[in-house]
Amino acid sequence: MKEDILIQIGNQIRERRKNKGITVQELADRASVSKGLISQIENSRAIPSLMVLIEIIRALDVDLNIFFKEIDTEKNGRTILVKRRDEYYYFEKEQALGFRYHRIFTKNIEKSTVDIVLLELEIDANRPMVETEAFEYKYILSGEIEYQFEQEVVRLKAGDSMLFDGRIPHTPKNIGGEKAMVLVIYFFEGA
């Protein structure tokens, strides 16, 4: 299983458990597994066996077909993925008091080179549309930005993030009243 699919499974188990008002311990009891295992699965730190996964899904009283239908395994899915600040979820690791991890995006891109940069956009900054031979991840640190694509315009503010295929012509525009700061991560495939 690819890492992003494991994260989707863990996220879905957590969301369904919380929506039903079930504690981690209650779900563990219903599925006849340990509380620690449920926690590790929800935080994508353990890979359950197929039988354990089926027991957990049944313990959530969810049809298996419906559960797996919501797992995105498509490689040709939407090429621009936007995630708003209030959609992030946090998790904590065992024996780490005061550490609160926020998972923002996970994307499995094999054989890639990663380039991490900090982009400052002045109020009047502008450029024509460009293309990059990379997947681009943007995390808005401050300000408000409008990303223009061929067929779509996406507005982002501090705390929002986006992942897209840089081969789509695009350009950012600072639409706020101050300099904007963006953390940019490029994933160059096959590099």
Protein backbone atom coordinates (compact mmCIF):
# COMPACT_ATOMS: atom_id res chain seq x y z
CA MET A 1 0.00 0.00 0.00
CA LYS A 2 1.23 3.48 -0.79
CA GLU A 3 1.67 5.90 2.09
CA ASP A 4 -1.04 8.31 0.90
CA ILE A 5 -3.61 5.49 0.82
CA LEU A 6 -2.66 4.49 4.37
CA ILE A 7 -3.17 8.07 5.47
CA GLN A 8 -6.58 8.17 3.78
CA ILE A 9 -7.57 4.95 5.57
CA GLY A 10 -6.39 6.29 8.93
CA ASN A 11 -8.14 9.61 8.37
CA GLN A 12 -11.38 7.92 7.38
CA ILE A 13 -11.34 5.64 10.44
CA ARG A 14 -10.74 8.64 12.72
CA GLU A 15 -13.45 10.77 11.06
CA ARG A 16 -16.05 8.00 11.13
CA ARG A 17 -15.22 7.15 14.75
CA LYS A 18 -15.55 10.79 15.82
CA ASN A 19 -18.75 11.29 13.82
CA LYS A 20 -20.28 8.34 15.67
CA GLY A 21 -19.06 9.67 19.03
CA ILE A 22 -16.96 6.55 19.70
CA THR A 23 -13.76 6.80 21.73
CA VAL A 24 -10.55 5.11 20.65
CA GLN A 25 -10.98 2.63 23.52
CA GLU A 26 -14.59 1.82 22.52
CA LEU A 27 -13.55 1.16 18.93
CA ALA A 28 -10.65 -0.99 20.10
CA ASP A 29 -13.01 -3.04 22.30
CA ARG A 30 -15.54 -3.49 19.49
CA ALA A 31 -12.81 -4.62 17.04
CA SER A 32 -10.98 -6.77 19.63
CA VAL A 33 -7.69 -4.91 19.21
CA SER A 34 -5.64 -2.64 21.47
CA LYS A 35 -6.28 1.07 21.93
CA GLY A 36 -2.67 1.71 20.91
CA LEU A 37 -3.15 -0.08 17.59
CA ILE A 38 -6.23 2.02 16.75
CA SER A 39 -4.27 5.17 17.58
CA GLN A 40 -1.33 4.08 15.42
CA ILE A 41 -3.61 3.22 12.48
CA GLU A 42 -5.44 6.55 12.73
CA ASN A 43 -2.09 8.38 12.74
CA SER A 44 -0.71 6.31 9.84
CA ARG A 45 2.01 4.79 11.99
CA ALA A 46 0.89 1.16 11.65
CA ILE A 47 -0.37 -0.94 8.76
CA PRO A 48 -3.21 -3.20 9.89
CA SER A 49 -3.64 -6.68 8.50
CA LEU A 50 -6.61 -7.05 6.17
CA MET A 51 -8.59 -8.97 8.80
CA VAL A 52 -7.94 -6.33 11.47
CA LEU A 53 -8.92 -3.55 9.07
CA ILE A 54 -12.15 -5.36 8.21
CA GLU A 55 -12.95 -5.79 11.92
CA ILE A 56 -12.36 -2.09 12.56
CA ILE A 57 -14.58 -1.08 9.64
CA ARG A 58 -17.31 -3.46 10.84
CA ALA A 59 -16.95 -2.11 14.38
CA LEU A 60 -17.69 1.34 12.92
CA ASP A 61 -20.86 -0.15 11.38
CA VAL A 62 -19.81 0.89 7.86
CA ASP A 63 -20.33 -1.11 4.69
CA LEU A 64 -16.94 -2.24 3.33
CA ASN A 65 -17.81 -1.16 -0.21
CA ILE A 66 -18.72 2.35 0.93
CA PHE A 67 -15.57 2.64 3.07
CA PHE A 68 -13.21 1.67 0.25
CA LYS A 69 -15.14 3.60 -2.40
CA GLU A 70 -14.12 6.79 -0.60
CA ILE A 71 -10.39 5.92 -0.75
CA ASP A 72 -8.84 7.78 -3.69
CA THR A 73 -6.45 5.51 -5.58
CA GLU A 74 -6.71 7.37 -8.88
CA LYS A 75 -3.46 8.63 -10.32
CA ASN A 76 -5.31 10.94 -12.69
CA GLY A 77 -7.37 12.72 -10.08
CA ARG A 78 -7.79 16.45 -9.79
CA THR A 79 -4.51 18.18 -10.52
CA ILE A 80 -5.06 21.15 -8.17
CA LEU A 81 -5.65 20.16 -4.55
CA VAL A 82 -6.52 22.94 -2.09
CA LYS A 83 -6.65 22.42 1.65
CA ARG A 84 -7.95 25.11 3.99
CA ARG A 85 -6.43 25.72 7.41
CA ASP A 86 -9.52 24.41 9.22
CA GLU A 87 -9.28 21.10 7.30
CA TYR A 88 -5.91 20.09 8.75
CA TYR A 89 -5.96 17.53 11.53
CA TYR A 90 -3.46 17.13 14.27
CA PHE A 91 -1.94 14.10 15.91
CA GLU A 92 0.44 13.45 18.74
CA LYS A 93 3.12 10.83 19.01
CA GLU A 94 3.63 8.63 22.01
CA GLN A 95 5.99 9.93 24.71
CA ALA A 96 6.08 13.44 23.20
CA LEU A 97 4.38 15.90 25.53
CA GLY A 98 3.66 19.30 24.05
CA PHE A 99 4.38 18.23 20.45
CA ARG A 100 1.35 18.79 18.22
CA TYR A 101 1.82 17.68 14.64
CA HIS A 102 -0.47 19.06 11.94
CA ARG A 103 -0.65 16.91 8.83
CA ILE A 104 -1.20 19.24 5.93
CA PHE A 105 -0.62 17.27 2.73
CA THR A 106 0.78 13.90 1.82
CA LYS A 107 1.53 13.05 -1.78
CA ASN A 108 3.55 10.03 -2.88
CA ILE A 109 5.86 11.04 -5.72
CA GLU A 110 8.50 8.42 -6.41
CA LYS A 111 12.06 9.16 -7.57
CA SER A 112 11.87 12.90 -7.08
CA THR A 113 14.13 15.75 -6.07
CA VAL A 114 12.70 18.20 -3.55
CA ASP A 115 13.47 21.93 -3.67
CA ILE A 116 12.21 24.05 -0.75
CA VAL A 117 12.07 27.83 -1.09
CA LEU A 118 10.51 30.84 0.62
CA LEU A 119 8.71 33.19 -1.78
CA GLU A 120 8.11 36.85 -0.90
CA LEU A 121 5.46 38.55 -3.03
CA GLU A 122 5.35 42.35 -2.95
CA ILE A 123 1.95 44.03 -3.31
CA ASP A 124 2.61 44.99 -6.94
CA ALA A 125 4.47 41.78 -7.92
CA ASN A 126 3.44 40.32 -11.27
CA ARG A 127 4.63 37.95 -13.95
CA PRO A 128 3.12 36.07 -16.91
CA MET A 129 1.86 32.51 -16.54
CA VAL A 130 4.68 29.97 -16.18
CA GLU A 131 5.04 26.20 -16.21
CA THR A 132 7.35 24.13 -14.01
CA GLU A 133 8.42 20.53 -14.58
CA ALA A 134 7.49 19.71 -10.98
CA PHE A 135 4.62 19.23 -8.59
CA GLU A 136 4.35 22.43 -6.55
CA TYR A 137 3.24 22.67 -2.94
CA LYS A 138 2.40 26.12 -1.56
CA TYR A 139 1.77 26.97 2.10
CA ILE A 140 0.69 30.57 2.71
CA LEU A 141 2.60 31.91 5.72
CA SER A 142 1.19 35.45 5.57
CA GLY A 143 -0.89 37.63 3.31
CA GLU A 144 -3.54 36.78 0.74
CA ILE A 145 -2.79 35.38 -2.70
CA GLU A 146 -4.80 34.62 -5.79
CA TYR A 147 -3.39 31.79 -7.90
CA GLN A 148 -4.40 32.02 -11.52
CA PHE A 149 -4.52 28.88 -13.65
CA GLU A 150 -5.74 28.44 -17.22
CA GLN A 151 -9.26 27.44 -16.20
CA GLU A 152 -9.41 28.27 -12.51
CA VAL A 153 -8.63 30.95 -9.93
CA VAL A 154 -7.87 29.93 -6.34
CA ARG A 155 -7.75 32.42 -3.44
CA LEU A 156 -5.55 31.49 -0.51
CA LYS A 157 -4.86 33.18 2.80
CA ALA A 158 -2.48 32.54 5.69
CA GLY A 159 -2.67 28.89 6.76
CA ASP A 160 -4.14 27.59 3.48
CA SER A 161 -2.14 25.28 1.25
CA MET A 162 -2.27 23.88 -2.24
CA LEU A 163 -0.62 21.12 -4.28
CA PHE A 164 -0.74 21.14 -8.07
CA ASP A 165 1.01 19.92 -11.19
CA GLY A 166 3.33 22.78 -12.16
CA ARG A 167 2.96 21.88 -15.83
CA ILE A 168 -0.40 23.66 -15.67
CA PRO A 169 0.27 27.31 -16.63
CA HIS A 170 -0.02 29.38 -13.44
CA THR A 171 0.96 32.57 -11.67
CA PRO A 172 0.37 34.01 -8.19
CA LYS A 173 -0.88 37.51 -7.51
CA ASN A 174 -0.68 39.27 -4.15
CA ILE A 175 -4.21 40.56 -3.49
CA GLY A 176 -3.62 41.65 0.11
CA GLY A 177 -2.49 44.97 1.52
CA GLU A 178 0.97 43.77 2.56
CA LYS A 179 3.87 41.61 1.42
CA ALA A 180 2.86 37.92 1.26
CA MET A 181 5.12 35.04 2.32
CA VAL A 182 4.77 31.57 0.82
CA LEU A 183 6.62 28.36 1.62
CA VAL A 184 7.12 26.59 -1.72
CA ILE A 185 8.18 22.98 -2.19
CA TYR A 186 8.94 21.69 -5.69
CA PHE A 187 8.88 17.93 -6.34
CA PHE A 188 10.82 17.20 -9.52
CA GLU A 189 10.00 13.70 -10.78
CA GLY A 190 12.73 11.42 -12.03
CA ALA A 191 15.43 13.87 -11.08
